[in-house]
Amino acid sequence: MQIIKLWRLLYKIVFALLIVFFYFFFAFFVFIFPFNKYKRKRILSRLYGFLSTIFIKGINTKVNLINNSNYSKEKTWYIMSNHVSFLDILILITKLKTVFITSLEMKKRFLLGQICMMAGCVFVDRRKITTLKDEIPEISEALKNNVNVCLFPESTCANGVELIPFKAALMSAVSGTPAEILPLSIMYRKINNRPFTPDGFKEIGYYAGMRFFPQFVKLLTLKSLEVDIEILDPFAPGNLDRKEMRDKVFDRISARYYRYVDDIKKP
């Protein structure tokens, strides 16, 4: 049994490295062509989505998109979702072409930082209000140029059984743009062909001081995963201020997500 598990791990590590190699290879050409900043982000999100789809299928992960009638490719979206795992990013981009908002700390991490830069991510320093005033316009400009942007309003990964209070600082980036807010709920349903339970978050999560590479290796040893992305009712920001937007997003995500938590807690 251990030998099978080891072979599964080695195969998936090689597979993951090949995906990263091909991403850097193709992204390099996107960067050397004279595309404008926002066209480049749109191209990178499609490339990232294509290779992420291959990777997700290669590690035997099934992604179900629910209520996709709430989503239109013709609109620009400021996407917001709960967050429990680094896998969330790959899962989302297989179904919704978007760039992500991430932290400056992530930008400094070896390999992960380079991947985020090549993926066209928008980097922010959430700890400094003074820098956020300069970073919010960058997000707004991306939305004005028809680039979907995804924000995890918890700002970090939660433990899976409860949401972290949403932060309001970056909500205002959507004001004055043509984008609407699209709340999502990411819900892990099966692990190794068994119904998902709260213990499963220890296998796929990235929270409470967990280190990336040990968790990544643990993820690769899994036989299979199944996850739902449920698209909740979108809304235009209108005259809402950033705190009102935050509360509205939180209400929609928490109402759906806590029903899911109750389901997976059942014996």
Protein backbone atom coordinates (compact mmCIF):
# COMPACT_ATOMS: atom_id res chain seq x y z
CA MET A 1 0.00 0.00 0.00
CA GLN A 2 2.83 2.40 0.86
CA ILE A 3 4.55 1.60 -2.44
CA ILE A 4 1.39 2.49 -4.37
CA LYS A 5 1.09 5.72 -2.40
CA LEU A 6 4.74 6.57 -3.13
CA TRP A 7 4.34 5.92 -6.85
CA ARG A 8 1.21 8.08 -6.89
CA LEU A 9 3.13 10.87 -5.20
CA LEU A 10 6.12 10.65 -7.57
CA TYR A 11 3.88 10.60 -10.63
CA LYS A 12 1.94 13.65 -9.47
CA ILE A 13 5.10 15.58 -8.52
CA VAL A 14 6.55 15.02 -12.00
CA PHE A 15 3.20 15.93 -13.52
CA ALA A 16 2.98 19.15 -11.46
CA LEU A 17 6.53 20.15 -12.43
CA LEU A 18 5.73 19.63 -16.11
CA ILE A 19 2.64 21.82 -15.80
CA VAL A 20 4.71 24.57 -14.13
CA PHE A 21 7.39 24.27 -16.82
CA PHE A 22 4.89 24.59 -19.65
CA TYR A 23 3.22 27.52 -17.91
CA PHE A 24 6.47 29.46 -17.62
CA PHE A 25 7.38 28.53 -21.20
CA PHE A 26 4.16 29.83 -22.75
CA ALA A 27 3.80 32.77 -20.33
CA PHE A 28 7.29 33.94 -21.35
CA PHE A 29 6.07 34.50 -24.91
CA VAL A 30 2.99 36.34 -23.66
CA PHE A 31 5.29 38.75 -21.82
CA ILE A 32 7.65 39.40 -24.73
CA PHE A 33 4.83 40.28 -27.15
CA PRO A 34 3.77 43.96 -27.05
CA PHE A 35 0.33 43.40 -25.52
CA ASN A 36 -1.07 46.08 -23.29
CA LYS A 37 -1.18 45.33 -19.59
CA TYR A 38 -4.80 44.26 -19.44
CA LYS A 39 -4.88 42.21 -22.62
CA ARG A 40 -1.87 40.36 -21.23
CA LYS A 41 -3.77 39.64 -18.01
CA ARG A 42 -6.72 38.26 -20.00
CA ILE A 43 -4.45 36.01 -22.05
CA LEU A 44 -2.59 34.82 -18.96
CA SER A 45 -5.84 33.99 -17.16
CA ARG A 46 -6.90 31.81 -20.11
CA LEU A 47 -3.51 30.10 -20.26
CA TYR A 48 -3.53 29.60 -16.48
CA GLY A 49 -7.07 28.22 -16.69
CA PHE A 50 -6.20 25.78 -19.49
CA LEU A 51 -3.15 24.34 -17.73
CA SER A 52 -4.94 24.31 -14.36
CA THR A 53 -7.70 22.23 -15.95
CA ILE A 54 -5.13 19.71 -17.12
CA PHE A 55 -3.53 19.63 -13.67
CA ILE A 56 -6.84 19.29 -11.81
CA LYS A 57 -7.87 16.38 -14.02
CA GLY A 58 -4.41 14.84 -13.70
CA ILE A 59 -4.69 14.70 -9.91
CA ASN A 60 -8.17 13.18 -10.25
CA THR A 61 -10.14 16.15 -8.96
CA LYS A 62 -13.67 16.71 -10.22
CA VAL A 63 -15.07 20.25 -10.19
CA ASN A 64 -18.83 20.87 -10.38
CA LEU A 65 -20.12 24.33 -11.27
CA ILE A 66 -23.56 24.92 -9.72
CA ASN A 67 -26.02 27.70 -10.61
CA ASN A 68 -23.96 28.71 -13.64
CA SER A 69 -27.00 30.59 -14.94
CA ASN A 70 -25.91 33.33 -12.50
CA TYR A 71 -22.68 33.74 -14.49
CA SER A 72 -22.23 35.32 -17.91
CA LYS A 73 -19.01 35.48 -19.92
CA GLU A 74 -20.28 38.72 -21.42
CA LYS A 75 -20.00 40.58 -18.09
CA THR A 76 -17.03 41.66 -16.02
CA TRP A 77 -16.98 40.25 -12.50
CA TYR A 78 -15.43 41.08 -9.17
CA ILE A 79 -15.45 37.52 -7.85
CA MET A 80 -15.46 36.81 -4.10
CA SER A 81 -15.22 33.43 -2.39
CA ASN A 82 -14.46 31.63 0.83
CA HIS A 83 -10.93 30.20 1.03
CA VAL A 84 -9.59 27.03 2.69
CA SER A 85 -6.84 25.70 0.40
CA PHE A 86 -4.27 26.78 -2.19
CA LEU A 87 -6.14 24.37 -4.44
CA ASP A 88 -9.08 26.83 -4.42
CA ILE A 89 -7.25 29.05 -6.91
CA LEU A 90 -6.68 26.25 -9.42
CA ILE A 91 -10.25 25.03 -8.97
CA LEU A 92 -11.76 28.48 -9.56
CA ILE A 93 -9.73 29.27 -12.64
CA THR A 94 -10.70 26.02 -14.34
CA LYS A 95 -14.28 27.32 -14.49
CA LEU A 96 -13.99 31.12 -14.28
CA LYS A 97 -11.28 33.00 -16.14
CA THR A 98 -9.93 35.54 -13.69
CA VAL A 99 -6.81 37.04 -12.17
CA PHE A 100 -6.36 36.95 -8.41
CA ILE A 101 -5.57 39.48 -5.72
CA THR A 102 -2.82 38.17 -3.48
CA SER A 103 -0.40 39.48 -0.87
CA LEU A 104 3.06 40.95 -1.27
CA GLU A 105 4.25 38.18 1.07
CA MET A 106 3.20 35.62 -1.57
CA LYS A 107 5.13 37.55 -4.21
CA LYS A 108 8.33 37.04 -2.21
CA ARG A 109 7.95 33.25 -1.89
CA PHE A 110 10.18 31.08 -4.05
CA LEU A 111 8.40 29.60 -7.08
CA LEU A 112 4.92 30.54 -5.79
CA GLY A 113 5.77 34.22 -6.17
CA GLN A 114 7.08 33.70 -9.70
CA ILE A 115 3.96 31.74 -10.65
CA CYS A 116 1.71 34.50 -9.27
CA MET A 117 3.61 37.19 -11.19
CA MET A 118 3.46 35.21 -14.44
CA ALA A 119 -0.27 34.65 -13.84
CA GLY A 120 -0.93 38.40 -13.84
CA CYS A 121 -1.93 38.57 -10.16
CA VAL A 122 -2.54 41.91 -8.47
CA PHE A 123 -0.38 42.23 -5.36
CA VAL A 124 -1.51 44.20 -2.32
CA ASP A 125 -0.14 44.89 1.14
CA ARG A 126 -3.25 44.46 3.29
CA ARG A 127 -1.38 45.49 6.44
CA LYS A 128 -0.87 49.06 5.27
CA ILE A 129 -3.87 51.32 4.67
CA THR A 130 -1.60 53.90 3.03
CA THR A 131 -0.52 51.52 0.25
CA LEU A 132 -4.05 50.18 -0.26
CA LYS A 133 -5.07 53.65 -1.45
CA ASP A 134 -2.62 53.22 -4.32
CA GLU A 135 -3.46 49.56 -4.97
CA ILE A 136 -7.26 49.90 -5.15
CA PRO A 137 -7.08 51.97 -8.39
CA GLU A 138 -5.03 49.16 -10.00
CA ILE A 139 -7.84 46.69 -9.27
CA SER A 140 -10.41 49.20 -10.54
CA GLU A 141 -8.49 49.69 -13.79
CA ALA A 142 -8.37 45.95 -14.38
CA LEU A 143 -12.16 45.76 -13.93
CA LYS A 144 -12.68 48.77 -16.23
CA ASN A 145 -10.64 46.93 -18.88
CA ASN A 146 -12.88 43.85 -18.72
CA VAL A 147 -10.52 41.74 -16.63
CA ASN A 148 -12.29 39.54 -14.08
CA VAL A 149 -10.66 39.87 -10.66
CA CYS A 150 -11.02 37.43 -7.77
CA LEU A 151 -10.75 38.47 -4.12
CA PHE A 152 -10.72 36.17 -1.09
CA PRO A 153 -12.21 38.62 1.44
CA GLU A 154 -11.05 36.53 4.41
CA SER A 155 -7.53 37.52 3.23
CA THR A 156 -6.15 34.13 4.29
CA CYS A 157 -7.24 30.49 4.41
CA ALA A 158 -9.80 29.53 7.04
CA ASN A 159 -9.97 26.16 8.82
CA GLY A 160 -12.94 25.00 6.75
CA VAL A 161 -15.55 24.75 9.51
CA GLU A 162 -15.91 28.48 10.07
CA LEU A 163 -15.41 31.61 8.02
CA ILE A 164 -12.99 34.35 9.00
CA PRO A 165 -14.66 37.79 9.17
CA PHE A 166 -14.51 39.43 5.75
CA LYS A 167 -12.38 42.52 5.28
CA ALA A 168 -13.91 45.58 3.63
CA ALA A 169 -10.79 47.45 2.47
CA LEU A 170 -10.70 46.21 -1.14
CA MET A 171 -14.46 46.12 -1.71
CA SER A 172 -14.52 49.71 -2.96
CA ALA A 173 -12.37 48.79 -5.98
CA VAL A 174 -15.54 47.80 -7.87
CA SER A 175 -17.18 51.23 -7.45
CA GLY A 176 -17.25 53.24 -10.67
CA THR A 177 -16.52 50.19 -12.85
CA PRO A 178 -18.86 48.15 -15.08
CA ALA A 179 -18.26 45.05 -12.98
CA GLU A 180 -20.75 43.31 -10.74
CA ILE A 181 -19.92 41.37 -7.58
CA LEU A 182 -20.15 37.60 -7.94
CA PRO A 183 -20.16 35.70 -4.60
CA LEU A 184 -19.16 32.03 -4.64
CA SER A 185 -19.10 29.16 -2.18
CA ILE A 186 -16.36 26.53 -2.59
CA MET A 187 -17.41 23.26 -0.95
CA TYR A 188 -15.35 20.06 -0.89
CA ARG A 189 -17.70 17.09 -1.28
CA LYS A 190 -15.63 13.91 -1.55
CA ILE A 191 -12.12 12.83 -0.64
CA ASN A 192 -10.70 9.48 -1.76
CA ASN A 193 -14.20 8.56 -3.02
CA ARG A 194 -15.69 9.05 0.46
CA PRO A 195 -18.00 11.83 1.68
CA PHE A 196 -16.00 14.81 2.90
CA THR A 197 -15.88 15.39 6.67
CA PRO A 198 -14.33 18.21 8.74
CA ASP A 199 -11.19 16.07 9.17
CA GLY A 200 -10.64 16.39 5.44
CA PHE A 201 -9.61 20.02 5.82
CA LYS A 202 -6.40 18.81 7.49
CA GLU A 203 -5.57 17.03 4.23
CA ILE A 204 -6.34 19.80 1.76
CA GLY A 205 -6.19 22.95 3.92
CA TYR A 206 -3.54 25.64 4.26
CA TYR A 207 -4.21 27.36 7.58
CA ALA A 208 -3.01 27.78 11.18
CA GLY A 209 0.69 27.85 10.37
CA MET A 210 0.62 24.96 7.90
CA ARG A 211 3.60 24.96 5.53
CA PHE A 212 2.95 24.91 1.81
CA PHE A 213 5.16 22.09 0.58
CA PRO A 214 4.21 19.47 3.22
CA GLN A 215 0.53 20.22 2.54
CA PHE A 216 1.10 20.12 -1.20
CA VAL A 217 2.73 16.69 -0.91
CA LYS A 218 -0.16 15.51 1.28
CA LEU A 219 -2.60 16.73 -1.36
CA LEU A 220 -0.78 14.83 -4.11
CA THR A 221 -1.02 11.55 -2.21
CA LEU A 222 -4.81 11.67 -2.27
CA LYS A 223 -6.59 9.32 -4.67
CA SER A 224 -9.33 11.76 -5.61
CA LEU A 225 -11.29 14.87 -4.71
CA GLU A 226 -14.65 16.27 -5.70
CA VAL A 227 -15.56 19.89 -5.12
CA ASP A 228 -18.54 22.15 -5.85
CA ILE A 229 -18.34 25.80 -6.86
CA GLU A 230 -21.76 27.25 -6.24
CA ILE A 231 -22.41 30.62 -7.88
CA LEU A 232 -24.59 32.73 -5.61
CA ASP A 233 -26.77 35.67 -6.58
CA PRO A 234 -24.64 38.47 -8.07
CA PHE A 235 -25.33 42.12 -7.46
CA ALA A 236 -24.26 45.54 -8.76
CA PRO A 237 -22.48 47.70 -6.16
CA GLY A 238 -24.68 50.71 -6.89
CA ASN A 239 -24.39 53.27 -4.10
CA LEU A 240 -23.30 50.75 -1.46
CA ASP A 241 -20.22 51.69 0.53
CA ARG A 242 -17.42 49.17 1.09
CA LYS A 243 -18.77 47.95 4.44
CA GLU A 244 -22.25 47.45 3.04
CA MET A 245 -20.78 45.48 0.13
CA ARG A 246 -18.75 43.37 2.56
CA ASP A 247 -21.81 42.61 4.68
CA LYS A 248 -23.88 41.67 1.63
CA VAL A 249 -21.18 39.32 0.31
CA PHE A 250 -20.67 37.77 3.73
CA ASP A 251 -24.39 37.19 4.22
CA ARG A 252 -24.70 35.35 0.91
CA ILE A 253 -21.57 33.23 1.26
CA SER A 254 -22.04 32.41 4.95
CA ALA A 255 -25.70 31.42 4.50
CA ARG A 256 -24.72 28.83 1.89
CA TYR A 257 -21.40 27.76 3.38
CA TYR A 258 -22.66 27.07 6.89
CA ARG A 259 -25.42 24.83 5.49
CA TYR A 260 -22.62 22.88 3.81
CA VAL A 261 -20.66 22.68 7.08
CA ASP A 262 -23.74 21.32 8.85
CA ASP A 263 -24.06 18.67 6.11
CA ILE A 264 -20.50 17.39 6.38
CA LYS A 265 -20.71 17.26 10.19
CA LYS A 266 -23.57 14.77 10.02
CA PRO A 267 -22.52 11.20 10.89
